[in-house]
Amino acid sequence: MHEVIFMQYCCMLMRLSIDCKGCYKKLRRTLFNIKEVETHVIERQYNRVSVCGRFRPSDVAIKIRRKMNRRVEILEIQEFDDGGPREQPVDYQPSMPNGHAHVA
């Protein structure tokens, strides 16, 4: 059986050492290859990286640490509600325009 795991959309701010142009290119390539990351911003002068997408923050940080062979520090994580339809209660009955409840 396949288990479906719903990941919440989140943005994560990390700090890692980006010393040279080679480190920057390797980090960029690594972020492009992580399929869960939808967008990213690399702030080279502040040694910060922001990533957004549907992922588990610890998994992405571990992938970056393994590929870059550098310490990754998670500074901030923001989780967002996807704004999708919310589940209605079982006994919920939508009302008709004339104010009467619809009986099925």
Protein backbone atom coordinates (compact mmCIF):
# COMPACT_ATOMS: atom_id res chain seq x y z
CA MET A 1 0.00 0.00 0.00
CA HIS A 2 1.10 3.53 -0.71
CA GLU A 3 0.70 6.01 2.08
CA VAL A 4 -0.15 9.54 0.97
CA ILE A 5 1.50 12.18 3.13
CA PHE A 6 0.16 15.72 2.79
CA MET A 7 2.92 18.24 3.23
CA GLN A 8 1.98 21.77 4.23
CA TYR A 9 3.37 24.66 2.21
CA CYS A 10 6.18 26.30 4.13
CA CYS A 11 9.12 28.67 3.78
CA MET A 12 12.39 28.11 5.58
CA LEU A 13 15.31 30.45 6.17
CA MET A 14 18.72 28.80 6.66
CA ARG A 15 22.28 29.94 7.24
CA LEU A 16 25.25 28.19 5.67
CA SER A 17 28.69 29.25 4.61
CA ILE A 18 28.86 30.33 0.96
CA ASP A 19 32.54 31.22 0.64
CA CYS A 20 33.20 31.19 -3.08
CA LYS A 21 31.56 31.09 -6.49
CA GLY A 22 31.96 27.31 -6.58
CA CYS A 23 30.02 26.92 -3.32
CA TYR A 24 27.30 29.18 -4.68
CA LYS A 25 26.99 27.14 -7.89
CA LYS A 26 26.93 23.85 -5.99
CA LEU A 27 24.22 25.16 -3.66
CA ARG A 28 22.15 26.42 -6.58
CA ARG A 29 22.46 23.07 -8.39
CA THR A 30 21.50 21.22 -5.20
CA LEU A 31 18.38 23.36 -4.72
CA PHE A 32 17.31 22.83 -8.33
CA ASN A 33 17.62 19.05 -7.86
CA ILE A 34 15.41 18.94 -4.74
CA LYS A 35 11.98 18.40 -6.30
CA GLU A 36 9.99 19.54 -3.23
CA VAL A 37 11.54 23.03 -3.35
CA GLU A 38 9.43 25.29 -5.58
CA THR A 39 11.32 28.58 -5.12
CA HIS A 40 14.57 29.64 -3.52
CA VAL A 41 16.56 32.81 -2.85
CA ILE A 42 20.27 32.76 -2.10
CA GLU A 43 21.57 35.81 -0.22
CA ARG A 44 25.28 35.31 -0.71
CA GLN A 45 26.49 38.39 1.20
CA TYR A 46 24.53 37.31 4.32
CA ASN A 47 25.17 33.54 3.95
CA ARG A 48 21.41 32.92 3.97
CA VAL A 49 19.14 30.76 1.83
CA SER A 50 15.34 30.91 1.70
CA VAL A 51 13.39 27.98 0.25
CA CYS A 52 9.65 27.55 -0.23
CA GLY A 53 7.55 24.56 -1.19
CA ARG A 54 5.79 21.50 0.16
CA PHE A 55 8.44 19.70 2.19
CA ARG A 56 9.51 18.66 5.65
CA PRO A 57 12.08 21.32 6.70
CA SER A 58 14.45 18.87 8.38
CA ASP A 59 14.59 16.69 5.24
CA VAL A 60 15.59 19.61 3.00
CA ALA A 61 18.22 20.82 5.49
CA ILE A 62 19.71 17.31 5.69
CA LYS A 63 19.82 16.99 1.88
CA ILE A 64 21.64 20.32 1.58
CA ARG A 65 24.06 19.40 4.37
CA ARG A 66 24.91 16.07 2.72
CA LYS A 67 25.43 17.55 -0.75
CA MET A 68 27.35 20.63 0.39
CA ASN A 69 29.27 18.95 3.23
CA ARG A 70 28.66 22.08 5.33
CA ARG A 71 26.79 22.87 8.51
CA VAL A 72 23.23 24.11 7.88
CA GLU A 73 21.50 26.19 10.52
CA ILE A 74 17.71 26.62 10.31
CA LEU A 75 16.89 30.19 11.36
CA GLU A 76 13.14 30.36 10.75
CA ILE A 77 10.28 28.20 9.48
CA GLN A 78 6.92 29.61 8.37
CA GLU A 79 4.03 27.28 7.59
CA PHE A 80 1.12 28.52 5.52
CA ASP A 81 -2.47 27.34 5.21
CA ASP A 82 -3.08 26.27 1.62
CA GLY A 83 -6.51 27.96 1.53
CA GLY A 84 -8.10 24.83 0.11
CA PRO A 85 -11.63 23.66 0.86
CA ARG A 86 -12.18 22.75 4.46
CA GLU A 87 -14.01 19.62 5.48
CA GLN A 88 -17.63 20.19 6.47
CA PRO A 89 -19.25 18.45 9.47
CA VAL A 90 -21.17 15.25 8.65
CA ASP A 91 -24.56 16.70 9.61
CA TYR A 92 -23.98 19.93 7.65
CA GLN A 93 -26.85 20.88 5.33
CA PRO A 94 -26.40 23.86 3.03
CA SER A 95 -29.29 26.32 3.12
CA MET A 96 -31.29 27.19 0.03
CA PRO A 97 -31.62 30.81 -1.16
CA ASN A 98 -35.15 30.99 0.31
CA GLY A 99 -33.83 30.11 3.78
CA HIS A 100 -34.97 26.47 3.84
CA ALA A 101 -32.56 23.61 4.37
CA HIS A 102 -32.08 21.11 1.59
CA VAL A 103 -33.12 17.62 2.61
CA ALA A 104 -31.56 14.75 0.68
